Amino acid sequence: MGSEALTAYRALLRATRKTFAGDTLMLRQSAVEVRKKFEENRHVTSAADLSRLMEEAREASHFISTMLVQAKLNERGGYEVKADKEHAGATLEIPSEEILKNA
């Protein structure tokens, strides 16, 4: 199960690097969070629990890759979103101006 955990860990890091490319703060924070979650479960030995955790990691990687996009402030003061092919068919939800101001 160790190699499966390492594969899941690397997949999550790849997903965050792609999704948050160019956003140093989010890259750093997401890497810390991924590491923290894996460290919290380092002691787990039950096959059922390990299987559940690996499935959660796969789902998280998929979610990050397909459901999140990085909005960037453009020179006109608006935000631009560039969706990739992974986002095809997804519904785009635009956060309110208040949420964006507090981010």
PDB file of N, CA and C in Angstrom:
ATOM      1  N   MET A   1       0.832  -1.205   0.000  1.00  0.00           N
ATOM      2  CA  MET A   1       0.000   0.000   0.000  1.00  0.00           C
ATOM      3  C   MET A   1       0.866   1.254   0.000  1.00  0.00           C
ATOM      4  N   GLY A   2       2.136   1.136   0.374  1.00  0.00           N
ATOM      5  CA  GLY A   2       3.026   2.286   0.400  1.00  0.00           C
ATOM      6  C   GLY A   2       3.212   2.921  -0.961  1.00  0.00           C
ATOM      7  N   SER A   3       3.390   2.096  -1.981  1.00  0.00           N
ATOM      8  CA  SER A   3       3.569   2.657  -3.321  1.00  0.00           C
ATOM      9  C   SER A   3       2.273   3.283  -3.826  1.00  0.00           C
ATOM     10  N   GLU A   4       1.141   2.729  -3.460  1.00  0.00           N
ATOM     11  CA  GLU A   4      -0.145   3.315  -3.855  1.00  0.00           C
ATOM     12  C   GLU A   4      -0.327   4.679  -3.192  1.00  0.00           C
ATOM     13  N   ALA A   5       0.082   4.775  -1.924  1.00  0.00           N
ATOM     14  CA  ALA A   5      -0.014   6.050  -1.210  1.00  0.00           C
ATOM     15  C   ALA A   5       0.910   7.084  -1.856  1.00  0.00           C
ATOM     16  N   LEU A   6       2.105   6.670  -2.213  1.00  0.00           N
ATOM     17  CA  LEU A   6       3.047   7.583  -2.860  1.00  0.00           C
ATOM     18  C   LEU A   6       2.506   8.047  -4.216  1.00  0.00           C
ATOM     19  N   THR A   7       1.909   7.138  -4.964  1.00  0.00           N
ATOM     20  CA  THR A   7       1.310   7.487  -6.252  1.00  0.00           C
ATOM     21  C   THR A   7       0.181   8.491  -6.057  1.00  0.00           C
ATOM     22  N   ALA A   8      -0.670   8.264  -5.068  1.00  0.00           N
ATOM     23  CA  ALA A   8      -1.787   9.175  -4.780  1.00  0.00           C
ATOM     24  C   ALA A   8      -1.263  10.537  -4.334  1.00  0.00           C
ATOM     25  N   TYR A   9      -0.232  10.539  -3.509  1.00  0.00           N
ATOM     26  CA  TYR A   9       0.386  11.777  -3.021  1.00  0.00           C
ATOM     27  C   TYR A   9       0.927  12.587  -4.201  1.00  0.00           C
ATOM     28  N   ARG A  10       1.651  11.937  -5.076  1.00  0.00           N
ATOM     29  CA  ARG A  10       2.224  12.625  -6.244  1.00  0.00           C
ATOM     30  C   ARG A  10       1.132  13.135  -7.185  1.00  0.00           C
ATOM     31  N   ALA A  11       0.074  12.360  -7.354  1.00  0.00           N
ATOM     32  CA  ALA A  11      -1.037  12.785  -8.218  1.00  0.00           C
ATOM     33  C   ALA A  11      -1.700  14.049  -7.665  1.00  0.00           C
ATOM     34  N   LEU A  12      -1.861  14.100  -6.350  1.00  0.00           N
ATOM     35  CA  LEU A  12      -2.444  15.292  -5.741  1.00  0.00           C
ATOM     36  C   LEU A  12      -1.541  16.503  -5.931  1.00  0.00           C
ATOM     37  N   LEU A  13      -0.248  16.322  -5.745  1.00  0.00           N
ATOM     38  CA  LEU A  13       0.679  17.439  -5.942  1.00  0.00           C
ATOM     39  C   LEU A  13       0.680  17.904  -7.401  1.00  0.00           C
ATOM     40  N   ARG A  14       0.633  16.962  -8.354  1.00  0.00           N
ATOM     41  CA  ARG A  14       0.572  17.336  -9.766  1.00  0.00           C
ATOM     42  C   ARG A  14      -0.707  18.130 -10.061  1.00  0.00           C
ATOM     43  N   ALA A  15      -1.808  17.676  -9.497  1.00  0.00           N
ATOM     44  CA  ALA A  15      -3.088  18.368  -9.714  1.00  0.00           C
ATOM     45  C   ALA A  15      -3.033  19.794  -9.169  1.00  0.00           C
ATOM     46  N   THR A  16      -2.463  19.974  -7.988  1.00  0.00           N
ATOM     47  CA  THR A  16      -2.383  21.324  -7.423  1.00  0.00           C
ATOM     48  C   THR A  16      -1.409  22.193  -8.209  1.00  0.00           C
ATOM     49  N   ARG A  17      -0.298  21.614  -8.673  1.00  0.00           N
ATOM     50  CA  ARG A  17       0.665  22.399  -9.458  1.00  0.00           C
ATOM     51  C   ARG A  17       0.048  22.894 -10.760  1.00  0.00           C
ATOM     52  N   LYS A  18      -0.760  22.064 -11.386  1.00  0.00           N
ATOM     53  CA  LYS A  18      -1.395  22.475 -12.636  1.00  0.00           C
ATOM     54  C   LYS A  18      -2.503  23.495 -12.375  1.00  0.00           C
ATOM     55  N   THR A  19      -3.335  23.228 -11.407  1.00  0.00           N
ATOM     56  CA  THR A  19      -4.477  24.094 -11.125  1.00  0.00           C
ATOM     57  C   THR A  19      -4.040  25.468 -10.625  1.00  0.00           C
ATOM     58  N   PHE A  20      -3.012  25.502  -9.786  1.00  0.00           N
ATOM     59  CA  PHE A  20      -2.580  26.761  -9.175  1.00  0.00           C
ATOM     60  C   PHE A  20      -1.281  27.304  -9.774  1.00  0.00           C
ATOM     61  N   ALA A  21      -0.980  26.927 -10.993  1.00  0.00           N
ATOM     62  CA  ALA A  21       0.248  27.395 -11.648  1.00  0.00           C
ATOM     63  C   ALA A  21       0.311  28.920 -11.622  1.00  0.00           C
ATOM     64  N   GLY A  22       1.436  29.439 -11.195  1.00  0.00           N
ATOM     65  CA  GLY A  22       1.627  30.882 -11.139  1.00  0.00           C
ATOM     66  C   GLY A  22       1.153  31.531  -9.849  1.00  0.00           C
ATOM     67  N   ASP A  23       0.524  30.784  -8.975  1.00  0.00           N
ATOM     68  CA  ASP A  23       0.028  31.317  -7.700  1.00  0.00           C
ATOM     69  C   ASP A  23       0.860  30.698  -6.574  1.00  0.00           C
ATOM     70  N   THR A  24       1.957  31.353  -6.257  1.00  0.00           N
ATOM     71  CA  THR A  24       2.918  30.816  -5.293  1.00  0.00           C
ATOM     72  C   THR A  24       2.281  30.508  -3.945  1.00  0.00           C
ATOM     73  N   LEU A  25       1.432  31.385  -3.471  1.00  0.00           N
ATOM     74  CA  LEU A  25       0.794  31.180  -2.171  1.00  0.00           C
ATOM     75  C   LEU A  25      -0.062  29.917  -2.174  1.00  0.00           C
ATOM     76  N   MET A  26      -0.920  29.758  -3.181  1.00  0.00           N
ATOM     77  CA  MET A  26      -1.777  28.571  -3.238  1.00  0.00           C
ATOM     78  C   MET A  26      -0.972  27.298  -3.461  1.00  0.00           C
ATOM     79  N   LEU A  27       0.081  27.387  -4.261  1.00  0.00           N
ATOM     80  CA  LEU A  27       0.940  26.211  -4.472  1.00  0.00           C
ATOM     81  C   LEU A  27       1.541  25.755  -3.151  1.00  0.00           C
ATOM     82  N   ARG A  28       2.069  26.700  -2.409  1.00  0.00           N
ATOM     83  CA  ARG A  28       2.705  26.380  -1.127  1.00  0.00           C
ATOM     84  C   ARG A  28       1.676  25.832  -0.129  1.00  0.00           C
ATOM     85  N   GLN A  29       0.554  26.529  -0.005  1.00  0.00           N
ATOM     86  CA  GLN A  29      -0.459  26.115   0.970  1.00  0.00           C
ATOM     87  C   GLN A  29      -1.081  24.766   0.617  1.00  0.00           C
ATOM     88  N   SER A  30      -1.311  24.531  -0.652  1.00  0.00           N
ATOM     89  CA  SER A  30      -1.908  23.252  -1.040  1.00  0.00           C
ATOM     90  C   SER A  30      -0.922  22.106  -0.800  1.00  0.00           C
ATOM     91  N   ALA A  31       0.361  22.319  -1.066  1.00  0.00           N
ATOM     92  CA  ALA A  31       1.364  21.282  -0.812  1.00  0.00           C
ATOM     93  C   ALA A  31       1.455  20.970   0.674  1.00  0.00           C
ATOM     94  N   VAL A  32       1.380  22.002   1.501  1.00  0.00           N
ATOM     95  CA  VAL A  32       1.411  21.806   2.954  1.00  0.00           C
ATOM     96  C   VAL A  32       0.191  21.016   3.407  1.00  0.00           C
ATOM     97  N   GLU A  33      -0.976  21.349   2.868  1.00  0.00           N
ATOM     98  CA  GLU A  33      -2.217  20.662   3.248  1.00  0.00           C
ATOM     99  C   GLU A  33      -2.206  19.201   2.820  1.00  0.00           C
ATOM    100  N   VAL A  34      -1.753  18.938   1.594  1.00  0.00           N
ATOM    101  CA  VAL A  34      -1.671  17.556   1.118  1.00  0.00           C
ATOM    102  C   VAL A  34      -0.737  16.764   2.023  1.00  0.00           C
ATOM    103  N   ARG A  35       0.429  17.314   2.319  1.00  0.00           N
ATOM    104  CA  ARG A  35       1.401  16.631   3.188  1.00  0.00           C
ATOM    105  C   ARG A  35       0.799  16.373   4.566  1.00  0.00           C
ATOM    106  N   LYS A  36       0.120  17.366   5.107  1.00  0.00           N
ATOM    107  CA  LYS A  36      -0.496  17.241   6.437  1.00  0.00           C
ATOM    108  C   LYS A  36      -1.494  16.088   6.476  1.00  0.00           C
ATOM    109  N   LYS A  37      -2.354  15.997   5.441  1.00  0.00           N
ATOM    110  CA  LYS A  37      -3.364  14.931   5.419  1.00  0.00           C
ATOM    111  C   LYS A  37      -2.718  13.550   5.353  1.00  0.00           C
ATOM    112  N   PHE A  38      -1.670  13.417   4.558  1.00  0.00           N
ATOM    113  CA  PHE A  38      -0.998  12.124   4.471  1.00  0.00           C
ATOM    114  C   PHE A  38      -0.282  11.797   5.780  1.00  0.00           C
ATOM    115  N   GLU A  39       0.340  12.787   6.397  1.00  0.00           N
ATOM    116  CA  GLU A  39       1.022  12.557   7.681  1.00  0.00           C
ATOM    117  C   GLU A  39       0.028  12.175   8.774  1.00  0.00           C
ATOM    118  N   GLU A  40      -1.143  12.783   8.778  1.00  0.00           N
ATOM    119  CA  GLU A  40      -2.167  12.467   9.782  1.00  0.00           C
ATOM    120  C   GLU A  40      -2.589  11.003   9.708  1.00  0.00           C
ATOM    121  N   ASN A  41      -2.476  10.407   8.540  1.00  0.00           N
ATOM    122  CA  ASN A  41      -2.941   9.034   8.351  1.00  0.00           C
ATOM    123  C   ASN A  41      -1.804   8.036   8.181  1.00  0.00           C
ATOM    124  N   ARG A  42      -0.607   8.449   8.497  1.00  0.00           N
ATOM    125  CA  ARG A  42       0.568   7.589   8.361  1.00  0.00           C
ATOM    126  C   ARG A  42       0.432   6.306   9.188  1.00  0.00           C
ATOM    127  N   HIS A  43      -0.222   6.390  10.311  1.00  0.00           N
ATOM    128  CA  HIS A  43      -0.348   5.263  11.242  1.00  0.00           C
ATOM    129  C   HIS A  43      -1.418   4.238  10.831  1.00  0.00           C
ATOM    130  N   VAL A  44      -2.258   4.560   9.871  1.00  0.00           N
ATOM    131  CA  VAL A  44      -3.372   3.689   9.481  1.00  0.00           C
ATOM    132  C   VAL A  44      -2.832   2.389   8.884  1.00  0.00           C
ATOM    133  N   THR A  45      -3.338   1.258   9.399  1.00  0.00           N
ATOM    134  CA  THR A  45      -2.888  -0.049   8.907  1.00  0.00           C
ATOM    135  C   THR A  45      -4.042  -0.920   8.413  1.00  0.00           C
ATOM    136  N   SER A  46      -5.245  -0.592   8.792  1.00  0.00           N
ATOM    137  CA  SER A  46      -6.409  -1.376   8.381  1.00  0.00           C
ATOM    138  C   SER A  46      -6.575  -1.291   6.862  1.00  0.00           C
ATOM    139  N   ALA A  47      -6.719  -2.450   6.224  1.00  0.00           N
ATOM    140  CA  ALA A  47      -6.878  -2.492   4.770  1.00  0.00           C
ATOM    141  C   ALA A  47      -8.104  -1.695   4.324  1.00  0.00           C
ATOM    142  N   ALA A  48      -9.181  -1.791   5.074  1.00  0.00           N
ATOM    143  CA  ALA A  48     -10.408  -1.069   4.714  1.00  0.00           C
ATOM    144  C   ALA A  48     -10.195   0.439   4.817  1.00  0.00           C
ATOM    145  N   ASP A  49      -9.529   0.868   5.886  1.00  0.00           N
ATOM    146  CA  ASP A  49      -9.264   2.298   6.057  1.00  0.00           C
ATOM    147  C   ASP A  49      -8.296   2.808   4.998  1.00  0.00           C
ATOM    148  N   LEU A  50      -7.276   2.023   4.694  1.00  0.00           N
ATOM    149  CA  LEU A  50      -6.317   2.421   3.663  1.00  0.00           C
ATOM    150  C   LEU A  50      -7.000   2.537   2.305  1.00  0.00           C
ATOM    151  N   SER A  51      -7.856   1.604   2.007  1.00  0.00           N
ATOM    152  CA  SER A  51      -8.587   1.630   0.747  1.00  0.00           C
ATOM    153  C   SER A  51      -9.463   2.883   0.661  1.00  0.00           C
ATOM    154  N   ARG A  52     -10.150   3.203   1.752  1.00  0.00           N
ATOM    155  CA  ARG A  52     -11.000   4.392   1.799  1.00  0.00           C
ATOM    156  C   ARG A  52     -10.159   5.654   1.613  1.00  0.00           C
ATOM    157  N   LEU A  53      -9.018   5.732   2.273  1.00  0.00           N
ATOM    158  CA  LEU A  53      -8.151   6.903   2.159  1.00  0.00           C
ATOM    159  C   LEU A  53      -7.591   7.064   0.746  1.00  0.00           C
ATOM    160  N   MET A  54      -7.252   5.956   0.111  1.00  0.00           N
ATOM    161  CA  MET A  54      -6.740   6.028  -1.264  1.00  0.00           C
ATOM    162  C   MET A  54      -7.837   6.508  -2.214  1.00  0.00           C
ATOM    163  N   GLU A  55      -9.061   6.050  -1.991  1.00  0.00           N
ATOM    164  CA  GLU A  55     -10.189   6.503  -2.813  1.00  0.00           C
ATOM    165  C   GLU A  55     -10.432   7.999  -2.593  1.00  0.00           C
ATOM    166  N   GLU A  56     -10.341   8.458  -1.346  1.00  0.00           N
ATOM    167  CA  GLU A  56     -10.500   9.884  -1.060  1.00  0.00           C
ATOM    168  C   GLU A  56      -9.416  10.698  -1.753  1.00  0.00           C
ATOM    169  N   ALA A  57      -8.197  10.198  -1.771  1.00  0.00           N
ATOM    170  CA  ALA A  57      -7.088  10.900  -2.434  1.00  0.00           C
ATOM    171  C   ALA A  57      -7.334  10.973  -3.937  1.00  0.00           C
ATOM    172  N   ARG A  58      -7.809   9.877  -4.529  1.00  0.00           N
ATOM    173  CA  ARG A  58      -8.117   9.879  -5.973  1.00  0.00           C
ATOM    174  C   ARG A  58      -9.236  10.876  -6.282  1.00  0.00           C
ATOM    175  N   GLU A  59     -10.256  10.888  -5.435  1.00  0.00           N
ATOM    176  CA  GLU A  59     -11.367  11.818  -5.636  1.00  0.00           C
ATOM    177  C   GLU A  59     -10.898  13.269  -5.494  1.00  0.00           C
ATOM    178  N   ALA A  60     -10.039  13.526  -4.523  1.00  0.00           N
ATOM    179  CA  ALA A  60      -9.520  14.881  -4.319  1.00  0.00           C
ATOM    180  C   ALA A  60      -8.705  15.332  -5.521  1.00  0.00           C
ATOM    181  N   SER A  61      -7.873  14.454  -6.036  1.00  0.00           N
ATOM    182  CA  SER A  61      -7.069  14.777  -7.204  1.00  0.00           C
ATOM    183  C   SER A  61      -7.963  15.086  -8.396  1.00  0.00           C
ATOM    184  N   HIS A  62      -8.979  14.263  -8.603  1.00  0.00           N
ATOM    185  CA  HIS A  62      -9.931  14.475  -9.701  1.00  0.00           C
ATOM    186  C   HIS A  62     -10.665  15.807  -9.520  1.00  0.00           C
ATOM    187  N   PHE A  63     -11.105  16.083  -8.302  1.00  0.00           N
ATOM    188  CA  PHE A  63     -11.828  17.321  -8.015  1.00  0.00           C
ATOM    189  C   PHE A  63     -10.955  18.539  -8.309  1.00  0.00           C
ATOM    190  N   ILE A  64      -9.732  18.515  -7.814  1.00  0.00           N
ATOM    191  CA  ILE A  64      -8.820  19.641  -8.029  1.00  0.00           C
ATOM    192  C   ILE A  64      -8.566  19.847  -9.517  1.00  0.00           C
ATOM    193  N   SER A  65      -8.402  18.761 -10.238  1.00  0.00           N
ATOM    194  CA  SER A  65      -8.089  18.846 -11.672  1.00  0.00           C
ATOM    195  C   SER A  65      -9.269  19.283 -12.528  1.00  0.00           C
ATOM    196  N   THR A  66     -10.474  18.898 -12.138  1.00  0.00           N
ATOM    197  CA  THR A  66     -11.615  19.135 -13.015  1.00  0.00           C
ATOM    198  C   THR A  66     -12.613  20.170 -12.516  1.00  0.00           C
ATOM    199  N   MET A  67     -12.609  20.465 -11.242  1.00  0.00           N
ATOM    200  CA  MET A  67     -13.639  21.343 -10.702  1.00  0.00           C
ATOM    201  C   MET A  67     -13.123  22.712 -10.260  1.00  0.00           C
ATOM    202  N   LEU A  68     -11.828  22.886 -10.226  1.00  0.00           N
ATOM    203  CA  LEU A  68     -11.264  24.167  -9.808  1.00  0.00           C
ATOM    204  C   LEU A  68     -10.548  24.825 -10.975  1.00  0.00           C
ATOM    205  N   VAL A  69     -10.711  26.128 -11.075  1.00  0.00           N
ATOM    206  CA  VAL A  69      -9.949  26.915 -12.032  1.00  0.00           C
ATOM    207  C   VAL A  69      -9.440  28.155 -11.306  1.00  0.00           C
ATOM    208  N   GLN A  70      -8.348  28.665 -11.773  1.00  0.00           N
ATOM    209  CA  GLN A  70      -7.730  29.832 -11.162  1.00  0.00           C
ATOM    210  C   GLN A  70      -8.156  31.075 -11.946  1.00  0.00           C
ATOM    211  N   ALA A  71      -8.846  31.986 -11.297  1.00  0.00           N
ATOM    212  CA  ALA A  71      -9.215  33.257 -11.928  1.00  0.00           C
ATOM    213  C   ALA A  71      -8.058  34.229 -11.739  1.00  0.00           C
ATOM    214  N   LYS A  72      -7.762  34.972 -12.795  1.00  0.00           N
ATOM    215  CA  LYS A  72      -6.655  35.929 -12.729  1.00  0.00           C
ATOM    216  C   LYS A  72      -7.176  37.326 -13.030  1.00  0.00           C
ATOM    217  N   LEU A  73      -6.685  38.278 -12.251  1.00  0.00           N
ATOM    218  CA  LEU A  73      -7.047  39.675 -12.445  1.00  0.00           C
ATOM    219  C   LEU A  73      -6.401  40.172 -13.730  1.00  0.00           C
ATOM    220  N   ASN A  74      -7.202  40.760 -14.615  1.00  0.00           N
ATOM    221  CA  ASN A  74      -6.645  41.276 -15.866  1.00  0.00           C
ATOM    222  C   ASN A  74      -6.387  42.781 -15.747  1.00  0.00           C
ATOM    223  N   GLU A  75      -5.820  43.352 -16.800  1.00  0.00           N
ATOM    224  CA  GLU A  75      -5.451  44.777 -16.787  1.00  0.00           C
ATOM    225  C   GLU A  75      -6.660  45.704 -16.752  1.00  0.00           C
ATOM    226  N   ARG A  76      -7.847  45.203 -17.060  1.00  0.00           N
ATOM    227  CA  ARG A  76      -9.068  46.009 -17.024  1.00  0.00           C
ATOM    228  C   ARG A  76      -9.738  45.974 -15.650  1.00  0.00           C
ATOM    229  N   GLY A  77      -9.168  45.234 -14.705  1.00  0.00           N
ATOM    230  CA  GLY A  77      -9.737  45.161 -13.362  1.00  0.00           C
ATOM    231  C   GLY A  77     -10.747  44.045 -13.194  1.00  0.00           C
ATOM    232  N   GLY A  78     -10.929  43.234 -14.221  1.00  0.00           N
ATOM    233  CA  GLY A  78     -11.841  42.098 -14.136  1.00  0.00           C
ATOM    234  C   GLY A  78     -11.061  40.808 -13.962  1.00  0.00           C
ATOM    235  N   TYR A  79     -11.770  39.737 -13.776  1.00  0.00           N
ATOM    236  CA  TYR A  79     -11.136  38.427 -13.614  1.00  0.00           C
ATOM    237  C   TYR A  79     -11.379  37.578 -14.848  1.00  0.00           C
ATOM    238  N   GLU A  80     -10.356  36.865 -15.263  1.00  0.00           N
ATOM    239  CA  GLU A  80     -10.444  35.964 -16.404  1.00  0.00           C
ATOM    240  C   GLU A  80     -10.236  34.535 -15.928  1.00  0.00           C
ATOM    241  N   VAL A  81     -10.999  33.643 -16.533  1.00  0.00           N
ATOM    242  CA  VAL A  81     -10.860  32.223 -16.235  1.00  0.00           C
ATOM    243  C   VAL A  81     -10.583  31.512 -17.547  1.00  0.00           C
ATOM    244  N   LYS A  82      -9.552  30.714 -17.569  1.00  0.00           N
ATOM    245  CA  LYS A  82      -9.230  29.928 -18.754  1.00  0.00           C
ATOM    246  C   LYS A  82      -9.412  28.459 -18.406  1.00  0.00           C
ATOM    247  N   ALA A  83     -10.537  27.923 -18.811  1.00  0.00           N
ATOM    248  CA  ALA A  83     -10.829  26.514 -18.541  1.00  0.00           C
ATOM    249  C   ALA A  83     -10.069  25.641 -19.533  1.00  0.00           C
ATOM    250  N   ASP A  84      -9.629  24.488 -19.072  1.00  0.00           N
ATOM    251  CA  ASP A  84      -8.936  23.519 -19.913  1.00  0.00           C
ATOM    252  C   ASP A  84      -9.911  22.441 -20.355  1.00  0.00           C
ATOM    253  N   LYS A  85      -9.423  21.517 -21.179  1.00  0.00           N
ATOM    254  CA  LYS A  85     -10.276  20.435 -21.671  1.00  0.00           C
ATOM    255  C   LYS A  85     -10.819  19.575 -20.531  1.00  0.00           C
ATOM    256  N   GLU A  86     -10.103  19.509 -19.393  1.00  0.00           N
ATOM    257  CA  GLU A  86     -10.575  18.732 -18.239  1.00  0.00           C
ATOM    258  C   GLU A  86     -11.875  19.284 -17.678  1.00  0.00           C
ATOM    259  N   HIS A  87     -12.152  20.551 -17.965  1.00  0.00           N
ATOM    260  CA  HIS A  87     -13.338  21.203 -17.421  1.00  0.00           C
ATOM    261  C   HIS A  87     -14.528  21.147 -18.371  1.00  0.00           C
ATOM    262  N   ALA A  88     -14.383  20.488 -19.501  1.00  0.00           N
ATOM    263  CA  ALA A  88     -15.458  20.423 -20.500  1.00  0.00           C
ATOM    264  C   ALA A  88     -16.732  19.871 -19.876  1.00  0.00           C
ATOM    265  N   GLY A  89     -17.819  20.571 -20.098  1.00  0.00           N
ATOM    266  CA  GLY A  89     -19.116  20.137 -19.593  1.00  0.00           C
ATOM    267  C   GLY A  89     -19.420  20.596 -18.179  1.00  0.00           C
ATOM    268  N   ALA A  90     -18.455  21.204 -17.517  1.00  0.00           N
ATOM    269  CA  ALA A  90     -18.664  21.654 -16.140  1.00  0.00           C
ATOM    270  C   ALA A  90     -19.431  22.971 -16.134  1.00  0.00           C
ATOM    271  N   THR A  91     -20.130  23.229 -15.059  1.00  0.00           N
ATOM    272  CA  THR A  91     -20.845  24.483 -14.877  1.00  0.00           C
ATOM    273  C   THR A  91     -19.921  25.444 -14.150  1.00  0.00           C
ATOM    274  N   LEU A  92     -19.772  26.630 -14.678  1.00  0.00           N
ATOM    275  CA  LEU A  92     -18.905  27.631 -14.078  1.00  0.00           C
ATOM    276  C   LEU A  92     -19.702  28.444 -13.080  1.00  0.00           C
ATOM    277  N   GLU A  93     -19.230  28.489 -11.860  1.00  0.00           N
ATOM    278  CA  GLU A  93     -19.856  29.309 -10.826  1.00  0.00           C
ATOM    279  C   GLU A  93     -18.913  30.452 -10.515  1.00  0.00           C
ATOM    280  N   ILE A  94     -19.391  31.667 -10.702  1.00  0.00           N
ATOM    281  CA  ILE A  94     -18.591  32.858 -10.470  1.00  0.00           C
ATOM    282  C   ILE A  94     -18.806  33.321  -9.032  1.00  0.00           C
ATOM    283  N   PRO A  95     -17.711  33.469  -8.263  1.00  0.00           N
ATOM    284  CA  PRO A  95     -17.875  33.965  -6.899  1.00  0.00           C
ATOM    285  C   PRO A  95     -18.290  35.437  -6.907  1.00  0.00           C
ATOM    286  N   SER A  96     -18.931  35.840  -5.848  1.00  0.00           N
ATOM    287  CA  SER A  96     -19.382  37.235  -5.749  1.00  0.00           C
ATOM    288  C   SER A  96     -18.185  38.165  -5.606  1.00  0.00           C
ATOM    289  N   GLU A  97     -18.397  39.438  -5.893  1.00  0.00           N
ATOM    290  CA  GLU A  97     -17.334  40.442  -5.747  1.00  0.00           C
ATOM    291  C   GLU A  97     -16.839  40.491  -4.297  1.00  0.00           C
ATOM    292  N   GLU A  98     -17.737  40.297  -3.345  1.00  0.00           N
ATOM    293  CA  GLU A  98     -17.344  40.317  -1.931  1.00  0.00           C
ATOM    294  C   GLU A  98     -16.363  39.188  -1.621  1.00  0.00           C
ATOM    295  N   ILE A  99     -16.629  38.015  -2.130  1.00  0.00           N
ATOM    296  CA  ILE A  99     -15.716  36.883  -1.921  1.00  0.00           C
ATOM    297  C   ILE A  99     -14.376  37.169  -2.558  1.00  0.00           C
ATOM    298  N   LEU A 100     -14.397  37.714  -3.762  1.00  0.00           N
ATOM    299  CA  LEU A 100     -13.136  38.008  -4.461  1.00  0.00           C
ATOM    300  C   LEU A 100     -12.334  39.092  -3.731  1.00  0.00           C
ATOM    301  N   LYS A 101     -12.995  40.091  -3.189  1.00  0.00           N
ATOM    302  CA  LYS A 101     -12.295  41.157  -2.464  1.00  0.00           C
ATOM    303  C   LYS A 101     -11.637  40.614  -1.206  1.00  0.00           C
ATOM    304  N   ASN A 102     -12.267  39.629  -0.565  1.00  0.00           N
ATOM    305  CA  ASN A 102     -11.731  39.063   0.675  1.00  0.00           C
ATOM    306  C   ASN A 102     -10.684  37.999   0.435  1.00  0.00           C
ATOM    307  N   ALA A 103     -10.502  37.590  -0.802  1.00  0.00           N
ATOM    308  CA  ALA A 103      -9.537  36.522  -1.109  1.00  0.00           C
ATOM    309  C   ALA A 103      -8.118  37.032  -1.107  1.00  0.00           C
TER     310      ALA A 103
END
